[in-house]
Amino acid sequence: MLGILDPDDMAVGVIADRLGLAQPTISQHLRVLRDVHLVDGVTAGRERRYRTRPTGLTPIAQWLTSHDYWNRRLDALGVFLEED
């Protein structure tokens, strides 16, 4: 769902249409994404509009970067397996 959200605000109905899902289902997903700070929601009149939060994935990216150990280990395993 994050992939279809524009940097600009997008109404829940538009998101539902793009994904082919019911609005209540989309609203539930967006509530979870809002709770974990991946999207921001704003009420505009009678509709709720959402946009991605650029800094929302920063902690995950930092964690992955700090755990580069597994990338190096798997690369070494690939080299070892190719040597045979």
C-alpha atoms as a PDB file:
ATOM      1  CA  MET A   1       0.000   0.000   0.000  1.00  0.00           C
ATOM      2  CA  LEU A   2       2.853   2.396   0.691  1.00  0.00           C
ATOM      3  CA  GLY A   3       3.898   2.125  -2.951  1.00  0.00           C
ATOM      4  CA  ILE A   4       0.729   3.681  -4.313  1.00  0.00           C
ATOM      5  CA  LEU A   5       0.544   6.629  -1.947  1.00  0.00           C
ATOM      6  CA  ASP A   6       1.654   9.867  -3.518  1.00  0.00           C
ATOM      7  CA  PRO A   7       3.710  12.435  -1.621  1.00  0.00           C
ATOM      8  CA  ASP A   8       0.557  14.557  -1.871  1.00  0.00           C
ATOM      9  CA  ASP A   9      -2.537  13.778   0.177  1.00  0.00           C
ATOM     10  CA  MET A  10      -4.677  10.968  -1.197  1.00  0.00           C
ATOM     11  CA  ALA A  11      -8.251  10.225  -0.156  1.00  0.00           C
ATOM     12  CA  VAL A  12      -9.123   6.806   1.244  1.00  0.00           C
ATOM     13  CA  GLY A  13     -11.616   6.306  -1.607  1.00  0.00           C
ATOM     14  CA  VAL A  14      -8.906   6.849  -4.222  1.00  0.00           C
ATOM     15  CA  ILE A  15      -6.603   4.376  -2.464  1.00  0.00           C
ATOM     16  CA  ALA A  16      -9.450   1.834  -2.272  1.00  0.00           C
ATOM     17  CA  ASP A  17     -10.166   2.242  -5.991  1.00  0.00           C
ATOM     18  CA  ARG A  18      -6.506   1.784  -6.938  1.00  0.00           C
ATOM     19  CA  LEU A  19      -6.200  -1.381  -4.853  1.00  0.00           C
ATOM     20  CA  GLY A  20      -9.667  -2.740  -5.629  1.00  0.00           C
ATOM     21  CA  LEU A  21     -10.504  -3.137  -1.937  1.00  0.00           C
ATOM     22  CA  ALA A  22     -13.332  -1.878   0.258  1.00  0.00           C
ATOM     23  CA  GLN A  23     -12.849   1.439   2.044  1.00  0.00           C
ATOM     24  CA  PRO A  24     -13.219  -0.078   5.543  1.00  0.00           C
ATOM     25  CA  THR A  25     -10.398  -2.511   4.755  1.00  0.00           C
ATOM     26  CA  ILE A  26      -8.187   0.321   3.507  1.00  0.00           C
ATOM     27  CA  SER A  27      -9.018   2.413   6.578  1.00  0.00           C
ATOM     28  CA  GLN A  28      -7.942  -0.438   8.872  1.00  0.00           C
ATOM     29  CA  HIS A  29      -4.631  -0.823   7.060  1.00  0.00           C
ATOM     30  CA  LEU A  30      -4.031   2.917   7.059  1.00  0.00           C
ATOM     31  CA  ARG A  31      -4.743   3.085  10.793  1.00  0.00           C
ATOM     32  CA  VAL A  32      -2.005   0.511  11.401  1.00  0.00           C
ATOM     33  CA  LEU A  33       0.414   2.360   9.104  1.00  0.00           C
ATOM     34  CA  ARG A  34      -0.412   5.619  10.907  1.00  0.00           C
ATOM     35  CA  ASP A  35       0.142   4.005  14.318  1.00  0.00           C
ATOM     36  CA  VAL A  36       3.655   2.920  13.285  1.00  0.00           C
ATOM     37  CA  HIS A  37       4.382   6.368  11.777  1.00  0.00           C
ATOM     38  CA  LEU A  38       4.623   5.271   8.135  1.00  0.00           C
ATOM     39  CA  VAL A  39       1.792   7.525   6.939  1.00  0.00           C
ATOM     40  CA  ASP A  40       0.239  10.788   8.094  1.00  0.00           C
ATOM     41  CA  GLY A  41      -3.522  11.297   8.019  1.00  0.00           C
ATOM     42  CA  VAL A  42      -5.368  14.603   7.755  1.00  0.00           C
ATOM     43  CA  THR A  43      -9.082  15.238   7.874  1.00  0.00           C
ATOM     44  CA  ALA A  44     -10.247  17.411   4.998  1.00  0.00           C
ATOM     45  CA  GLY A  45     -13.966  18.077   5.296  1.00  0.00           C
ATOM     46  CA  ARG A  46     -15.730  14.713   5.335  1.00  0.00           C
ATOM     47  CA  GLU A  47     -12.818  12.695   4.020  1.00  0.00           C
ATOM     48  CA  ARG A  48      -9.605  11.456   5.503  1.00  0.00           C
ATOM     49  CA  ARG A  49      -6.506  11.952   3.349  1.00  0.00           C
ATOM     50  CA  TYR A  50      -3.179  10.179   3.738  1.00  0.00           C
ATOM     51  CA  ARG A  51       0.371  10.602   2.561  1.00  0.00           C
ATOM     52  CA  THR A  52       3.553   8.666   3.156  1.00  0.00           C
ATOM     53  CA  ARG A  53       5.806   9.840   5.942  1.00  0.00           C
ATOM     54  CA  PRO A  54       9.338  10.087   4.479  1.00  0.00           C
ATOM     55  CA  THR A  55      11.073   9.495   7.787  1.00  0.00           C
ATOM     56  CA  GLY A  56       8.896   6.525   8.731  1.00  0.00           C
ATOM     57  CA  LEU A  57      11.276   3.893   7.364  1.00  0.00           C
ATOM     58  CA  THR A  58      14.432   5.530   8.716  1.00  0.00           C
ATOM     59  CA  PRO A  59      14.635   3.387  11.880  1.00  0.00           C
ATOM     60  CA  ILE A  60      14.254   0.204   9.833  1.00  0.00           C
ATOM     61  CA  ALA A  61      16.930   1.312   7.355  1.00  0.00           C
ATOM     62  CA  GLN A  62      19.281   2.166  10.220  1.00  0.00           C
ATOM     63  CA  TRP A  63      18.683  -1.200  11.858  1.00  0.00           C
ATOM     64  CA  LEU A  64      19.355  -3.047   8.603  1.00  0.00           C
ATOM     65  CA  THR A  65      22.531  -1.053   8.036  1.00  0.00           C
ATOM     66  CA  SER A  66      23.777  -1.835  11.522  1.00  0.00           C
ATOM     67  CA  HIS A  67      23.179  -5.542  10.911  1.00  0.00           C
ATOM     68  CA  ASP A  68      25.298  -5.808   7.787  1.00  0.00           C
ATOM     69  CA  TYR A  69      26.941  -8.867   9.348  1.00  0.00           C
ATOM     70  CA  TRP A  70      24.494 -11.221   7.657  1.00  0.00           C
ATOM     71  CA  ASN A  71      25.018  -9.667   4.232  1.00  0.00           C
ATOM     72  CA  ARG A  72      28.754 -10.239   4.519  1.00  0.00           C
ATOM     73  CA  ARG A  73      28.289 -13.791   5.789  1.00  0.00           C
ATOM     74  CA  LEU A  74      25.872 -14.706   3.013  1.00  0.00           C
ATOM     75  CA  ASP A  75      28.161 -13.165   0.395  1.00  0.00           C
ATOM     76  CA  ALA A  76      31.053 -15.244   1.755  1.00  0.00           C
ATOM     77  CA  LEU A  77      28.884 -18.367   1.621  1.00  0.00           C
ATOM     78  CA  GLY A  78      28.007 -17.617  -2.008  1.00  0.00           C
ATOM     79  CA  VAL A  79      31.701 -17.252  -2.911  1.00  0.00           C
ATOM     80  CA  PHE A  80      32.510 -20.498  -1.088  1.00  0.00           C
ATOM     81  CA  LEU A  81      29.767 -22.405  -2.906  1.00  0.00           C
ATOM     82  CA  GLU A  82      30.842 -21.057  -6.292  1.00  0.00           C
ATOM     83  CA  GLU A  83      34.446 -22.221  -5.738  1.00  0.00           C
ATOM     84  CA  ASP A  84      33.459 -25.895  -5.892  1.00  0.00           C
END
